[in-house]
Protein backbone atom coordinates (compact mmCIF):
# COMPACT_ATOMS: atom_id res chain seq x y z
CA MET A 1 71.14 92.42 14.57
CA THR A 2 72.47 88.97 13.68
CA VAL A 3 71.58 86.80 10.71
CA THR A 4 70.58 83.22 11.58
CA ALA A 5 71.27 80.58 8.94
CA VAL A 6 68.44 78.01 8.50
CA ALA A 7 69.39 74.43 7.64
CA ILE A 8 68.08 73.18 4.39
CA HIS A 9 66.72 69.65 4.80
CA PRO A 10 63.25 68.42 3.94
CA ARG A 11 60.72 68.29 6.73
CA PRO A 12 56.97 68.18 6.50
CA ALA A 13 55.02 71.36 7.38
CA SER A 14 53.19 70.77 10.67
CA SER A 15 49.41 70.27 10.27
CA SER A 16 48.94 72.81 12.98
CA ALA A 17 50.80 75.56 11.14
CA ALA A 18 48.56 78.48 10.39
CA ALA A 19 49.71 78.88 6.82
CA GLY A 20 47.06 81.37 5.94
CA ASP A 21 47.46 83.67 8.97
CA ARG A 22 49.32 86.99 8.81
CA PRO A 23 52.29 87.13 11.26
CA GLY A 24 51.71 89.17 14.36
CA THR A 25 54.57 91.66 14.14
CA TRP A 26 55.71 93.81 11.24
CA PRO A 27 59.42 93.57 10.66
CA GLU A 28 61.66 96.67 11.38
CA PHE A 29 65.08 96.47 9.77
CA SER A 30 67.06 97.48 6.64
CA PHE A 31 69.09 95.45 4.19
CA LEU A 32 70.79 95.95 0.78
CA VAL A 33 70.15 94.48 -2.65
CA VAL A 34 72.59 94.22 -5.57
CA SER A 35 72.43 92.26 -8.80
CA ASP A 36 74.07 91.46 -12.17
CA THR A 37 77.68 92.32 -11.53
CA HIS A 38 78.78 90.35 -14.57
CA LEU A 39 82.52 90.10 -13.69
CA GLY A 40 84.49 89.30 -16.90
CA ARG A 41 82.02 90.89 -19.44
CA ASN A 42 83.62 91.61 -22.69
CA ASP A 43 86.86 89.99 -21.35
CA THR A 44 87.84 93.26 -19.73
CA VAL A 45 88.37 94.46 -16.06
CA ALA A 46 85.62 97.03 -16.34
CA ALA A 47 82.99 95.03 -14.42
CA GLU A 48 85.51 94.14 -11.71
CA LYS A 49 86.36 97.82 -11.19
CA GLN A 50 82.60 98.64 -11.05
CA TRP A 51 82.11 95.91 -8.47
CA GLU A 52 85.01 97.42 -6.44
CA LYS A 53 83.18 100.84 -6.42
CA THR A 54 79.82 99.16 -5.58
CA ALA A 55 81.33 97.11 -2.70
CA ALA A 56 82.87 100.20 -1.23
CA GLU A 57 79.46 101.83 -1.19
CA LEU A 58 77.75 98.80 0.20
CA ALA A 59 80.41 98.73 3.02
CA ARG A 60 79.44 102.25 4.04
CA ALA A 61 75.65 101.83 3.57
CA GLU A 62 73.21 100.99 6.39
CA GLY A 63 71.86 97.48 6.16
CA ASP A 64 72.22 94.36 8.04
CA PHE A 65 73.04 92.11 5.15
CA ILE A 66 73.20 92.11 1.31
CA LEU A 67 71.24 89.98 -1.20
CA HIS A 68 72.91 89.46 -4.59
CA LEU A 69 70.30 88.45 -7.15
CA GLY A 70 72.46 86.66 -9.65
CA ASP A 71 74.71 86.85 -12.67
CA VAL A 72 77.78 87.24 -10.38
CA VAL A 73 80.03 86.51 -13.38
CA ASP A 74 79.41 86.88 -17.10
CA GLY A 75 79.17 84.08 -19.59
CA ARG A 76 80.07 81.34 -17.19
CA ARG A 77 83.53 82.76 -16.65
CA GLU A 78 84.56 80.63 -13.66
CA ALA A 79 87.92 82.22 -13.32
CA GLN A 80 86.08 85.47 -12.25
CA TYR A 81 84.63 84.09 -8.91
CA PRO A 82 87.94 84.50 -7.00
CA HIS A 83 87.99 88.19 -8.05
CA TYR A 84 84.40 88.69 -7.02
CA ARG A 85 84.87 86.91 -3.73
CA ARG A 86 88.02 88.88 -2.93
CA ILE A 87 86.12 92.15 -3.43
CA ARG A 88 82.99 90.89 -1.70
CA ASP A 89 85.04 89.97 1.42
CA THR A 90 85.97 93.62 1.91
CA ILE A 91 82.38 94.73 2.46
CA GLY A 92 82.21 93.49 6.05
CA LYS A 93 78.47 92.44 5.89
CA PRO A 94 76.93 89.02 5.16
CA VAL A 95 76.22 88.52 1.51
CA PHE A 96 73.82 86.04 0.24
CA GLU A 97 73.95 85.19 -3.50
CA ILE A 98 71.75 83.35 -5.86
CA PRO A 99 72.98 82.25 -9.37
CA GLY A 100 71.75 83.76 -12.55
CA ASN A 101 71.74 82.31 -16.06
CA HIS A 102 75.46 83.42 -16.48
CA ASP A 103 76.48 81.42 -13.39
CA PRO A 104 77.28 77.68 -13.73
CA GLU A 105 75.57 76.31 -10.65
CA THR A 106 78.34 73.92 -9.62
CA ALA A 107 81.14 76.43 -10.01
CA PHE A 108 78.92 79.05 -8.33
CA GLU A 109 78.47 76.82 -5.22
CA THR A 110 82.16 75.72 -5.15
CA HIS A 111 83.59 79.17 -5.31
CA LEU A 112 81.11 80.67 -2.85
CA GLY A 113 81.31 77.77 -0.38
CA LEU A 114 77.72 76.74 -0.54
CA ALA A 115 76.32 73.24 -0.07
CA SER A 116 73.43 74.31 -2.27
CA ALA A 117 72.24 77.41 -4.18
CA ASP A 118 68.78 76.77 -2.83
CA ARG A 119 68.77 77.86 0.73
CA SER A 120 67.11 80.14 3.32
CA PHE A 121 67.87 82.33 6.30
CA ALA A 122 65.83 84.11 8.94
CA HIS A 123 66.30 87.72 10.03
CA GLY A 124 64.08 89.99 12.03
CA GLY A 125 60.93 87.88 11.61
CA VAL A 126 61.34 87.37 7.87
CA ARG A 127 62.36 84.19 6.17
CA PHE A 128 64.40 84.84 3.06
CA VAL A 129 64.10 81.91 0.61
CA LEU A 130 66.75 81.83 -2.15
CA PHE A 131 66.64 79.53 -5.04
CA ASN A 132 67.99 78.94 -8.48
CA ASN A 133 65.46 79.19 -11.26
CA SER A 134 67.92 79.90 -14.08
CA ARG A 135 69.69 77.83 -16.64
CA PRO A 136 72.77 78.65 -18.69
CA ASP A 137 71.12 77.94 -21.90
CA SER A 138 68.12 80.07 -21.64
CA HIS A 139 66.89 83.55 -20.59
CA GLU A 140 63.53 81.94 -19.27
CA GLY A 141 63.07 80.49 -15.80
CA PHE A 142 62.46 77.01 -14.57
CA VAL A 143 61.30 75.52 -11.24
CA THR A 144 61.56 71.76 -10.68
CA ALA A 145 59.11 69.58 -8.72
CA ASP A 146 61.77 69.03 -6.02
CA GLN A 147 62.27 72.73 -5.66
CA LEU A 148 58.51 73.32 -5.31
CA ALA A 149 58.34 70.59 -2.56
CA TRP A 150 61.17 72.26 -0.74
CA LEU A 151 59.58 75.65 -1.20
CA GLU A 152 56.42 74.30 0.39
CA THR A 153 58.41 73.09 3.35
CA GLU A 154 60.03 76.50 3.79
CA CYS A 155 56.55 78.14 3.73
CA GLY A 156 55.36 75.68 6.29
CA ALA A 157 58.38 76.38 8.56
CA ALA A 158 57.72 80.15 8.20
CA ALA A 159 54.07 79.49 9.46
CA GLU A 160 55.31 77.41 12.42
CA LYS A 161 57.60 80.30 13.50
CA ASP A 162 55.23 83.22 12.58
CA GLU A 163 57.63 84.60 10.01
CA TRP A 164 56.98 86.61 6.85
CA LEU A 165 58.33 85.36 3.53
CA VAL A 166 60.46 86.93 0.92
CA PHE A 167 61.55 84.80 -2.09
CA ALA A 168 64.48 85.53 -4.33
CA ALA A 169 65.34 84.02 -7.69
CA HIS A 170 67.17 85.51 -10.72
CA VAL A 171 64.39 85.17 -13.36
CA PRO A 172 60.91 86.73 -12.76
CA PHE A 173 57.79 84.57 -12.43
CA HIS A 174 55.43 87.51 -13.63
CA THR A 175 54.29 87.24 -17.13
CA ASN A 176 55.80 89.99 -19.34
CA LYS A 177 55.73 90.73 -22.99
CA PRO A 178 57.32 93.37 -25.30
CA PRO A 179 58.24 96.13 -24.69
CA ASP A 180 59.46 94.13 -21.74
CA ARG A 181 62.14 91.39 -22.13
CA ALA A 182 59.42 88.56 -22.31
CA TRP A 183 61.72 86.50 -20.01
CA TYR A 184 59.96 84.71 -17.29
CA VAL A 185 59.04 81.27 -15.83
CA LYS A 186 56.36 79.94 -18.22
CA PRO A 187 53.34 78.11 -16.90
CA GLU A 188 54.60 74.69 -18.14
CA ASN A 189 58.02 75.45 -16.37
CA GLY A 190 56.59 76.01 -12.90
CA GLN A 191 54.95 79.47 -12.94
CA THR A 192 51.40 78.08 -12.23
CA ALA A 193 52.51 75.76 -9.45
CA PHE A 194 54.67 78.48 -7.78
CA TYR A 195 51.72 80.95 -7.78
CA GLU A 196 49.47 78.31 -6.32
CA LEU A 197 52.01 77.85 -3.57
CA VAL A 198 52.07 81.65 -2.79
CA GLU A 199 48.26 81.61 -2.74
CA ARG A 200 48.33 79.01 -0.08
CA HIS A 201 50.54 81.22 2.05
CA ARG A 202 49.48 84.58 0.71
CA ALA A 203 48.98 86.42 3.97
CA ARG A 204 52.68 86.08 4.87
CA CYS A 205 54.25 86.43 1.29
CA LEU A 206 55.68 89.98 1.15
CA ALA A 207 57.90 90.03 -1.95
CA MET A 208 59.57 88.24 -4.73
CA PHE A 209 62.98 89.57 -5.72
CA HIS A 210 64.71 89.18 -9.15
CA GLY A 211 67.52 90.58 -11.19
CA HIS A 212 68.06 89.68 -14.91
CA PHE A 213 66.33 92.46 -16.86
CA HIS A 214 68.96 95.32 -16.47
CA ASN A 215 66.03 97.77 -16.48
CA GLY A 216 66.41 99.49 -13.11
CA VAL A 217 63.61 98.78 -10.63
CA ARG A 218 60.82 97.11 -12.54
CA GLY A 219 57.86 95.56 -10.76
CA TRP A 220 54.19 94.53 -10.44
CA ASP A 221 51.88 94.46 -7.49
CA ASP A 222 48.79 92.77 -9.04
CA ARG A 223 49.08 89.66 -6.66
CA ALA A 224 48.68 91.47 -3.41
CA PRO A 225 50.03 91.29 -0.86
CA LEU A 226 52.96 89.84 -2.93
CA HIS A 227 55.20 92.59 -4.61
CA GLU A 228 57.22 91.21 -7.45
CA VAL A 229 60.31 93.43 -8.03
CA LEU A 230 63.28 93.22 -10.38
CA PHE A 231 66.34 95.19 -9.22
CA PRO A 232 68.92 97.15 -11.15
CA SER A 233 72.16 95.89 -12.31
CA ALA A 234 75.27 97.21 -10.66
CA LEU A 235 77.05 97.17 -13.99
CA TYR A 236 74.60 98.57 -16.63
CA ASN A 237 70.87 99.32 -17.12
CA GLN A 238 68.64 100.20 -20.03
CA ASP A 239 65.60 102.52 -20.35
CA ARG A 240 63.14 100.48 -22.57
CA GLY A 241 60.59 103.25 -22.36
CA LEU A 242 58.09 101.14 -20.44
CA ALA A 243 56.25 103.95 -18.74
CA ALA A 244 55.78 105.81 -22.12
CA LYS A 245 54.60 102.57 -23.72
CA LYS A 246 52.18 101.92 -20.77
CA ALA A 247 53.59 98.50 -19.93
CA PRO A 248 51.75 96.98 -16.97
CA GLY A 249 53.34 97.55 -13.63
CA TYR A 250 56.00 100.27 -12.88
CA ASN A 251 59.54 101.13 -13.79
CA LEU A 252 61.36 103.70 -11.77
CA PRO A 253 63.05 106.49 -13.85
CA GLU A 254 66.52 105.61 -12.78
CA PHE A 255 68.79 103.57 -15.08
CA ARG A 256 72.33 104.17 -13.89
CA PRO A 257 74.37 101.29 -12.27
CA ALA A 258 73.06 101.11 -8.74
CA HIS A 259 72.44 99.12 -5.52
CA THR A 260 69.19 99.42 -3.63
CA SER A 261 68.45 100.01 0.08
CA ALA A 262 65.50 98.10 1.48
CA THR A 263 63.78 99.10 4.76
CA PHE A 264 60.88 97.41 6.51
CA ALA A 265 58.99 99.88 8.62
CA GLY A 266 55.43 100.97 9.40
CA GLY A 267 53.64 98.30 7.30
CA SER A 268 55.69 98.88 4.20
CA LEU A 269 58.94 97.96 2.53
CA THR A 270 60.65 100.98 1.05
CA LEU A 271 63.16 100.62 -1.69
CA THR A 272 65.68 103.41 -2.41
CA VAL A 273 67.85 103.15 -5.53
CA ARG A 274 71.37 104.55 -5.00
CA PRO A 275 73.39 104.99 -8.25
CA THR A 276 76.99 104.14 -7.82
CA GLY A 277 79.26 107.11 -7.44
CA GLU A 278 76.38 109.47 -6.41
CA THR A 279 76.83 109.32 -2.59
CA GLY A 280 75.31 112.11 -0.63
CA VAL A 281 72.35 112.67 -2.99
CA GLU A 282 68.78 111.53 -2.47
CA GLY A 283 67.97 108.14 -4.11
CA THR A 284 64.90 107.29 -6.13
CA GLU A 285 62.28 105.81 -3.85
CA LYS A 286 59.46 103.24 -4.14
CA ARG A 287 57.13 102.37 -1.25
CA LEU A 288 55.63 98.97 -1.25
CA PRO A 289 52.74 98.85 1.26
CA TYR A 290 51.34 95.65 2.68
CA SER A 291 47.84 95.06 1.33
CA ALA A 292 45.73 92.05 1.86
CA GLY A 293 44.19 92.55 -1.59
């Protein structure tokens, strides 16, 4: 299957677009997700070597393309982008990155050859909408009025083309408190407006993908049909004991560095966490069914 890029330029959603309607056909394809590679961390080559191992496994894995959910480099180390890209280019699959709070946006765009970090692409009946909601001076997330207008346009375009929607941004929107990180987009920084947008298009909004937490797969499904999922870091993860502490949502019991396989089939999106260096073993799985709520 081919990946078709969608041009990013403002255009009004058609008044005839059925924004509240569920698309007619469930998608059937697989892709891969990786996050938080942090090249240059601690001023050593350890993260680069780990990215080499991860990239080799992504090259062998089944999946039409790869999403990278941010923090490509660590601590705004611009000199690490060429190392990241050299390794990325060995994978042989399209890779779509978004910046994290460790990525300076201008350097990120320049080194990865992007006109804008905010962009979208369509594949297999799904519109993937990628945008930067991070800042280098904060662990919290932020969405501007201009971004919200662009997101509304993207949702309208998805309605016109009978597409599902998957959003990707580094910092989660879902409210979370200790024992979680307590890092998210606060209401005054765009959370309320974003959820209002999702509600207007709720029937076609399948998922919201994030990185940032380094806690393995962490998620919530209390805004059905939207699933909000944080993905594991390819470099390191931590077990914060969320299940034992009865934190809302779920946290899969796998905390090794990993990438994730994602498969749309049979009315669900199934995630399979695949720890780096553990090829040939069954991964930890999470099924995310579509539910109208």
